[in-house]
């Protein structure tokens, strides 16, 4: 049972409010999906050392980790719509300045600024949905939110494949996508929830409010980014050609998008906590089948399901927060969740790479299975002790 209290809206107003923030999220996802590859590919063309390429690539995540603890209070002071608009404008300005300042040092600063900007609509969007959604539909609404966000992630690289990375066009598209994200939320400004200027708890206190969600954030980020970075490498070292390896990564993302509504529906029927533990165990079981088969169709089916379960940790973690946390603490709890997710995302590729080096190539799969099982046990222990 949720302890968050949704604002007084009619059913029609509630649906319009949720639709606005979900539509806005597509633009946020597109800018996120363009920013990372265009930076990496441009640096490769410039001949930038790989260590510097990686450093600049991690700048947005670092900005999110540094800034998020302070953003719940900032959002409360600025207001929901101004905070989201400010974040989108920072990202849009960063895109437009990137072709002007053509140096790694400038891009390091710009990508840090863009990461901080992205954190605002990301944080506010999740808090908005958790505040407005009802207990009956919260899981499905957050599933639609996740589908919109990750669809944007997937659209970004596709756009770059069509227009290339040279000239102003890709940067203008990135800026246009994030600035268009402002339109739905401005139109729904009167339906936006207000966020407290002075949250009743801090980031570390928020971790104690919903510890299972925080575990889900770490495991979800680890599994998602671990597969994004290392699944193609694992497939190639297992005997697949490059094209098949890339198709497996695409299937992982498609599964992550298409199966989210099922995950959200289950969370609305049972508790998100129960579905989280079950998802972790099922992920480990399905992942264990990868080293046991060379049939491309079976591997594709397994990866599709793994994508849905792995990315489902994100949806379920947010749903659990909405089911457990009071409305005045939602923003800070969502900020804590995003921090744990970023921590997992930074750790995942490293863990997968080290494990693959120890046991080629199946160490990667073993590491992902181990992470899922550790997460399942940790969530079960917390669930048992909190009864």
Protein backbone atom coordinates (compact mmCIF):
# COMPACT_ATOMS: atom_id res chain seq x y z
CA UNK A 1 0.00 0.00 0.00
CA UNK A 2 1.39 3.39 -0.98
CA UNK A 3 1.90 6.07 1.61
CA UNK A 4 2.30 8.75 -1.05
CA UNK A 5 -0.77 10.94 -1.42
CA UNK A 6 -1.64 11.99 -4.96
CA UNK A 7 -2.82 15.58 -5.50
CA UNK A 8 -6.54 16.29 -5.95
CA UNK A 9 -7.08 15.82 -9.68
CA UNK A 10 -9.96 14.42 -11.64
CA UNK A 11 -9.33 11.21 -13.53
CA UNK A 12 -9.09 13.15 -16.80
CA UNK A 13 -6.66 15.70 -15.33
CA UNK A 14 -4.56 12.93 -13.83
CA UNK A 15 -4.27 11.19 -17.21
CA UNK A 16 -3.33 14.45 -18.95
CA UNK A 17 -0.70 15.17 -16.30
CA UNK A 18 0.85 11.71 -16.66
CA UNK A 19 0.72 11.85 -20.46
CA UNK A 20 2.56 15.19 -20.47
CA UNK A 21 5.50 14.01 -18.41
CA UNK A 22 5.75 10.69 -20.28
CA UNK A 23 5.81 12.49 -23.67
CA UNK A 24 8.43 14.87 -22.31
CA UNK A 25 10.60 11.93 -21.30
CA UNK A 26 11.01 10.81 -24.92
CA UNK A 27 12.89 14.03 -25.69
CA UNK A 28 15.06 13.59 -22.61
CA UNK A 29 15.91 10.04 -23.70
CA UNK A 30 16.77 11.13 -27.26
CA UNK A 31 19.22 13.75 -26.03
CA UNK A 32 20.78 11.19 -23.69
CA UNK A 33 21.03 8.68 -26.55
CA UNK A 34 22.69 11.21 -28.87
CA UNK A 35 25.11 12.74 -26.37
CA UNK A 36 27.14 9.66 -25.49
CA UNK A 37 27.86 8.22 -28.95
CA UNK A 38 28.45 11.57 -30.65
CA UNK A 39 31.08 12.41 -28.05
CA UNK A 40 32.85 9.04 -28.30
CA UNK A 41 32.79 8.93 -32.12
CA UNK A 42 33.94 12.54 -32.52
CA UNK A 43 36.83 11.98 -30.12
CA UNK A 44 37.79 8.89 -32.09
CA UNK A 45 37.94 11.01 -35.25
CA UNK A 46 40.05 13.61 -33.47
CA UNK A 47 42.50 10.93 -32.34
CA UNK A 48 41.87 11.66 -28.65
CA UNK A 49 43.47 9.08 -26.29
CA UNK A 50 41.04 6.43 -25.12
CA UNK A 51 41.54 7.35 -21.46
CA UNK A 52 40.42 10.92 -22.17
CA UNK A 53 37.53 9.64 -24.27
CA UNK A 54 36.42 7.54 -21.32
CA UNK A 55 36.88 10.43 -18.88
CA UNK A 56 34.67 12.76 -20.90
CA UNK A 57 32.20 9.92 -21.43
CA UNK A 58 31.84 9.54 -17.67
CA UNK A 59 31.40 13.29 -17.08
CA UNK A 60 27.56 13.27 -17.27
CA UNK A 61 27.30 10.39 -14.80
CA UNK A 62 29.74 12.15 -12.48
CA UNK A 63 27.69 15.34 -12.70
CA UNK A 64 24.53 13.43 -11.83
CA UNK A 65 26.19 11.83 -8.81
CA UNK A 66 27.54 15.17 -7.55
CA UNK A 67 24.46 17.29 -8.18
CA UNK A 68 21.55 15.00 -7.33
CA UNK A 69 21.90 15.29 -3.53
CA UNK A 70 21.25 19.04 -3.85
CA UNK A 71 18.53 18.96 -6.48
CA UNK A 72 15.45 18.02 -4.38
CA UNK A 73 15.74 21.31 -2.46
CA UNK A 74 16.49 23.22 -5.68
CA UNK A 75 13.39 21.80 -7.35
CA UNK A 76 11.30 22.73 -4.32
CA UNK A 77 12.53 26.33 -4.46
CA UNK A 78 12.31 26.81 -8.23
CA UNK A 79 9.09 24.88 -8.79
CA UNK A 80 8.41 21.78 -10.85
CA UNK A 81 8.10 23.34 -14.32
CA UNK A 82 10.92 25.93 -13.98
CA UNK A 83 13.30 23.23 -12.70
CA UNK A 84 12.55 20.90 -15.62
CA UNK A 85 12.81 23.78 -18.10
CA UNK A 86 16.13 24.90 -16.61
CA UNK A 87 17.58 21.42 -16.95
CA UNK A 88 16.40 21.07 -20.56
CA UNK A 89 17.82 24.49 -21.46
CA UNK A 90 21.22 23.57 -19.98
CA UNK A 91 21.31 20.42 -22.10
CA UNK A 92 20.15 22.26 -25.22
CA UNK A 93 22.77 24.97 -24.73
CA UNK A 94 25.44 22.30 -24.29
CA UNK A 95 24.53 20.66 -27.60
CA UNK A 96 24.65 24.00 -29.45
CA UNK A 97 28.00 24.94 -27.90
CA UNK A 98 29.72 21.62 -28.69
CA UNK A 99 30.36 22.40 -32.40
CA UNK A 100 31.52 25.91 -31.43
CA UNK A 101 34.20 24.81 -28.97
CA UNK A 102 36.04 21.97 -30.69
CA UNK A 103 38.39 20.75 -27.97
CA UNK A 104 38.34 17.84 -25.51
CA UNK A 105 38.73 20.21 -22.55
CA UNK A 106 35.70 22.27 -23.59
CA UNK A 107 33.63 19.17 -24.21
CA UNK A 108 34.53 17.83 -20.76
CA UNK A 109 33.00 20.96 -19.22
CA UNK A 110 30.00 20.94 -21.55
CA UNK A 111 29.23 17.26 -20.99
CA UNK A 112 29.44 17.79 -17.22
CA UNK A 113 27.00 20.70 -17.54
CA UNK A 114 24.69 18.60 -19.73
CA UNK A 115 24.74 15.76 -17.22
CA UNK A 116 23.71 18.14 -14.45
CA UNK A 117 20.98 19.50 -16.70
CA UNK A 118 19.65 16.04 -17.57
CA UNK A 119 19.40 15.17 -13.89
CA UNK A 120 16.70 17.80 -13.34
CA UNK A 121 14.00 16.54 -15.77
CA UNK A 122 15.02 12.98 -14.92
CA UNK A 123 14.47 13.51 -11.19
CA UNK A 124 11.37 15.67 -11.54
CA UNK A 125 9.76 13.36 -14.11
CA UNK A 126 10.02 10.31 -11.88
CA UNK A 127 8.80 12.19 -8.83
CA UNK A 128 5.93 13.69 -10.86
CA UNK A 129 4.67 10.27 -11.94
CA UNK A 130 5.04 8.71 -8.49
CA UNK A 131 3.11 11.63 -6.99
CA UNK A 132 0.25 11.75 -9.51
CA UNK A 133 -0.22 8.02 -10.22
CA UNK A 134 -2.66 6.03 -8.12
CA UNK A 135 -1.88 2.78 -6.33
CA UNK A 136 -3.98 0.89 -8.87
CA UNK A 137 -1.94 2.00 -11.91
CA UNK A 138 1.43 3.15 -10.54
CA UNK A 139 3.41 0.19 -11.90
CA UNK A 140 1.96 0.55 -15.38
CA UNK A 141 2.44 4.33 -15.47
CA UNK A 142 6.08 3.97 -14.45
CA UNK A 143 6.41 1.20 -17.04
CA UNK A 144 5.19 3.62 -19.73
CA UNK A 145 7.67 6.19 -18.40
CA UNK A 146 10.53 3.67 -18.63
CA UNK A 147 9.43 2.65 -22.12
CA UNK A 148 9.48 6.30 -23.22
CA UNK A 149 12.89 6.94 -21.65
CA UNK A 150 14.59 3.86 -23.06
CA UNK A 151 12.91 4.31 -26.46
CA UNK A 152 14.56 7.73 -26.55
CA UNK A 153 17.89 6.11 -25.66
CA UNK A 154 17.48 3.76 -28.63
CA UNK A 155 16.32 6.47 -31.06
CA UNK A 156 19.39 8.63 -30.40
CA UNK A 157 21.99 6.30 -32.00
CA UNK A 158 19.56 5.59 -34.88
CA UNK A 159 19.39 9.34 -35.61
CA UNK A 160 23.18 9.57 -35.67
CA UNK A 161 23.30 6.60 -38.04
CA UNK A 162 21.05 8.54 -40.43
CA UNK A 163 22.58 12.04 -40.24
CA UNK A 164 26.18 11.31 -39.23
CA UNK A 165 28.21 13.19 -36.64
CA UNK A 166 29.66 15.97 -38.83
CA UNK A 167 28.40 19.54 -38.94
CA UNK A 168 25.63 21.22 -36.97
CA UNK A 169 22.77 18.88 -37.81
CA UNK A 170 23.23 16.17 -35.13
CA UNK A 171 23.83 18.78 -32.44
CA UNK A 172 20.78 20.77 -33.54
CA UNK A 173 18.67 17.60 -33.39
CA UNK A 174 19.95 16.86 -29.88
CA UNK A 175 19.13 20.40 -28.77
CA UNK A 176 15.75 20.32 -30.51
CA UNK A 177 14.80 17.03 -28.88
CA UNK A 178 15.49 18.22 -25.35
CA UNK A 179 13.88 21.63 -25.91
CA UNK A 180 10.75 20.03 -27.39
CA UNK A 181 10.56 18.04 -24.15
CA UNK A 182 9.64 21.32 -22.43
CA UNK A 183 6.46 21.80 -24.50
CA UNK A 184 4.23 19.09 -22.92
CA UNK A 185 5.16 20.01 -19.36
CA UNK A 186 4.52 23.72 -19.96
CA UNK A 187 1.10 22.90 -21.44
CA UNK A 188 0.35 20.80 -18.35
CA UNK A 189 1.80 23.30 -15.87
CA UNK A 190 -1.45 23.64 -13.91
CA UNK A 191 -1.55 19.85 -13.48
CA UNK A 192 2.02 19.51 -12.18
CA UNK A 193 2.52 18.45 -8.56
CA UNK A 194 4.29 20.80 -6.19
CA UNK A 195 7.43 19.52 -4.52
CA UNK A 196 8.42 20.45 -0.97
CA UNK A 197 11.06 23.14 -0.59
CA UNK A 198 12.35 21.50 2.58
CA UNK A 199 12.30 17.66 2.33
CA UNK A 200 11.83 15.93 5.66
CA UNK A 201 14.87 13.69 5.14
CA UNK A 202 18.22 13.73 3.33
CA UNK A 203 19.71 11.42 0.72
CA UNK A 204 21.09 8.91 3.23
CA UNK A 205 17.86 8.96 5.19
CA UNK A 206 15.97 8.26 1.98
CA UNK A 207 18.01 5.10 1.47
CA UNK A 208 16.59 3.80 4.75
CA UNK A 209 13.04 4.64 3.65
CA UNK A 210 13.13 2.21 0.73
CA UNK A 211 16.26 0.03 0.95
CA UNK A 212 14.88 -2.60 -1.43
CA UNK A 213 14.45 0.06 -4.13
CA UNK A 214 18.04 1.19 -3.61
CA UNK A 215 19.31 -2.38 -4.01
CA UNK A 216 17.23 -2.61 -7.18
CA UNK A 217 18.84 0.61 -8.43
CA UNK A 218 22.37 -0.73 -8.02
CA UNK A 219 21.56 -4.12 -9.58
CA UNK A 220 19.53 -2.57 -12.40
CA UNK A 221 22.28 -0.11 -13.34
CA UNK A 222 24.92 -2.85 -13.13
CA UNK A 223 22.99 -5.30 -15.32
CA UNK A 224 21.89 -2.71 -17.87
CA UNK A 225 25.22 -0.97 -18.49
CA UNK A 226 27.13 -4.22 -18.04
CA UNK A 227 25.22 -5.70 -20.97
CA UNK A 228 25.38 -2.53 -23.06
CA UNK A 229 29.16 -2.50 -22.74
CA UNK A 230 30.08 -6.19 -22.72
CA UNK A 231 27.29 -8.26 -24.34
CA UNK A 232 28.61 -7.72 -27.90
CA UNK A 233 32.13 -8.64 -26.75
CA UNK A 234 30.82 -11.78 -25.04
CA UNK A 235 28.88 -12.78 -28.16
CA UNK A 236 31.92 -12.37 -30.43
CA UNK A 237 34.17 -14.32 -28.06
CA UNK A 238 31.49 -17.03 -27.97
CA UNK A 239 31.71 -17.45 -31.74
CA UNK A 240 29.18 -14.95 -33.09
CA UNK A 241 30.02 -12.61 -35.96
CA UNK A 242 29.93 -8.86 -35.32
CA UNK A 243 26.51 -8.36 -36.94
CA UNK A 244 24.94 -11.06 -34.75
CA UNK A 245 26.59 -9.61 -31.65
CA UNK A 246 25.08 -6.19 -32.37
CA UNK A 247 21.69 -7.78 -33.02
CA UNK A 248 21.81 -9.38 -29.57
CA UNK A 249 22.41 -5.97 -28.01
CA UNK A 250 19.48 -4.57 -30.00
CA UNK A 251 17.29 -7.45 -28.78
CA UNK A 252 18.33 -6.73 -25.19
CA UNK A 253 17.12 -3.14 -25.61
CA UNK A 254 13.92 -4.16 -27.43
CA UNK A 255 13.10 -6.65 -24.68
CA UNK A 256 13.77 -3.95 -22.11
CA UNK A 257 11.26 -1.66 -23.81
CA UNK A 258 8.55 -4.12 -24.84
CA UNK A 259 8.35 -6.11 -21.60
CA UNK A 260 8.16 -3.14 -19.24
CA UNK A 261 4.38 -2.94 -19.34
CA UNK A 262 4.18 -6.59 -18.29
CA UNK A 263 6.56 -5.84 -15.43
CA UNK A 264 4.49 -2.83 -14.38
CA UNK A 265 1.26 -4.80 -14.61
CA UNK A 266 2.69 -7.47 -12.31
CA UNK A 267 3.78 -4.79 -9.83
CA UNK A 268 0.20 -3.48 -9.76
CA UNK A 269 -1.14 -6.97 -9.04
CA UNK A 270 1.44 -7.91 -6.41
CA UNK A 271 3.93 -5.80 -4.47
CA UNK A 272 6.91 -4.43 -6.39
CA UNK A 273 9.11 -6.06 -3.74
CA UNK A 274 7.83 -9.53 -4.63
CA UNK A 275 8.21 -8.94 -8.37
CA UNK A 276 11.75 -7.58 -7.85
CA UNK A 277 12.94 -10.69 -6.03
CA UNK A 278 11.25 -12.95 -8.59
CA UNK A 279 12.75 -10.98 -11.48
CA UNK A 280 16.26 -11.30 -10.06
CA UNK A 281 15.92 -15.07 -9.70
CA UNK A 282 14.40 -15.46 -13.17
CA UNK A 283 17.12 -13.29 -14.71
CA UNK A 284 19.79 -15.55 -13.21
CA UNK A 285 18.01 -18.65 -14.51
CA UNK A 286 17.62 -17.31 -18.06
CA UNK A 287 21.17 -15.94 -18.16
CA UNK A 288 22.51 -19.35 -17.13
CA UNK A 289 21.13 -20.77 -20.39
CA UNK A 290 23.40 -18.61 -22.57
CA UNK A 291 26.60 -20.67 -22.20
CA UNK A 292 24.59 -23.88 -22.65
CA UNK A 293 23.30 -23.24 -26.16
CA UNK A 294 24.75 -22.16 -29.49
CA UNK A 295 21.36 -22.00 -31.20
CA UNK A 296 20.95 -18.38 -32.36
CA UNK A 297 17.18 -18.38 -31.85
CA UNK A 298 17.41 -19.63 -28.27
CA UNK A 299 20.15 -17.13 -27.48
CA UNK A 300 18.06 -14.34 -29.00
CA UNK A 301 15.01 -15.33 -26.95
CA UNK A 302 17.08 -15.48 -23.76
CA UNK A 303 18.62 -12.06 -24.36
CA UNK A 304 15.19 -10.57 -25.14
CA UNK A 305 13.82 -11.79 -21.79
CA UNK A 306 16.99 -10.72 -19.97
CA UNK A 307 16.54 -7.20 -21.34
CA UNK A 308 13.00 -7.02 -20.02
CA UNK A 309 14.02 -8.32 -16.60
CA UNK A 310 17.24 -6.30 -16.33
CA UNK A 311 15.70 -2.96 -17.28
CA UNK A 312 12.65 -3.93 -15.23
CA UNK A 313 14.66 -3.30 -12.06
CA UNK A 314 14.45 0.41 -12.91
CA UNK A 315 10.65 0.37 -13.26
CA UNK A 316 10.14 -1.80 -10.20
CA UNK A 317 12.51 0.21 -8.02
CA UNK A 318 10.58 3.40 -8.76
CA UNK A 319 7.28 1.61 -8.18
CA UNK A 320 8.48 0.34 -4.80
CA UNK A 321 9.41 3.90 -3.81
CA UNK A 322 5.89 5.06 -4.65
CA UNK A 323 4.45 2.21 -2.59
CA UNK A 324 6.62 2.92 0.47
CA UNK A 325 7.55 6.61 0.69
CA UNK A 326 5.48 9.59 1.84
CA UNK A 327 4.82 12.36 -0.66
CA UNK A 328 7.11 14.87 1.09
CA UNK A 329 10.05 12.49 0.75
CA UNK A 330 9.42 11.30 -2.83
CA UNK A 331 11.82 13.73 -4.53
CA UNK A 332 14.74 12.92 -2.24
CA UNK A 333 13.97 9.18 -2.40
CA UNK A 334 13.96 9.31 -6.21
CA UNK A 335 17.24 11.23 -6.12
CA UNK A 336 18.77 8.52 -3.92
CA UNK A 337 17.47 5.87 -6.32
CA UNK A 338 19.06 7.61 -9.31
CA UNK A 339 22.36 7.82 -7.43
CA UNK A 340 22.33 4.09 -6.70
CA UNK A 341 21.43 3.43 -10.34
CA UNK A 342 24.39 5.52 -11.52
CA UNK A 343 26.70 3.69 -9.10
CA UNK A 344 25.59 0.36 -10.57
CA UNK A 345 25.98 1.72 -14.10
CA UNK A 346 29.56 2.78 -13.40
CA UNK A 347 30.45 -0.56 -11.80
CA UNK A 348 28.72 -2.91 -14.27
CA UNK A 349 31.06 -2.69 -17.29
CA UNK A 350 34.13 -2.96 -15.05
CA UNK A 351 32.83 -6.03 -13.21
CA UNK A 352 31.81 -7.69 -16.48
CA UNK A 353 35.16 -6.96 -18.12
CA UNK A 354 37.24 -8.23 -15.20
CA UNK A 355 35.15 -11.39 -14.90
CA UNK A 356 35.48 -12.08 -18.62
CA UNK A 357 39.24 -11.67 -18.34
CA UNK A 358 39.37 -14.25 -15.55
CA UNK A 359 37.13 -16.79 -17.32
CA UNK A 360 36.81 -16.25 -21.04
CA UNK A 361 34.20 -15.74 -22.27
CA UNK A 362 31.66 -16.98 -19.73
CA UNK A 363 32.97 -14.95 -16.81
CA UNK A 364 30.79 -12.07 -17.98
CA UNK A 365 27.61 -14.14 -17.74
CA UNK A 366 28.73 -15.56 -14.38
CA UNK A 367 29.25 -12.04 -13.04
CA UNK A 368 25.80 -10.90 -14.18
CA UNK A 369 24.20 -14.03 -12.66
CA UNK A 370 26.09 -13.43 -9.43
CA UNK A 371 24.93 -9.81 -9.28
CA UNK A 372 21.30 -10.83 -9.80
CA UNK A 373 21.49 -13.54 -7.12
CA UNK A 374 23.21 -11.25 -4.63
CA UNK A 375 20.49 -8.69 -5.29
CA UNK A 376 17.75 -11.28 -4.77
CA UNK A 377 19.24 -12.45 -1.47
CA UNK A 378 19.82 -8.89 -0.24
CA UNK A 379 16.25 -7.84 -1.08
CA UNK A 380 14.82 -10.97 0.54
CA UNK A 381 16.82 -10.36 3.73
CA UNK A 382 15.71 -6.72 3.90
CA UNK A 383 12.10 -7.74 3.24
CA UNK A 384 12.24 -10.32 6.02
CA UNK A 385 13.81 -7.99 8.59
CA UNK A 386 11.44 -5.11 7.80
CA UNK A 387 8.24 -7.07 8.46
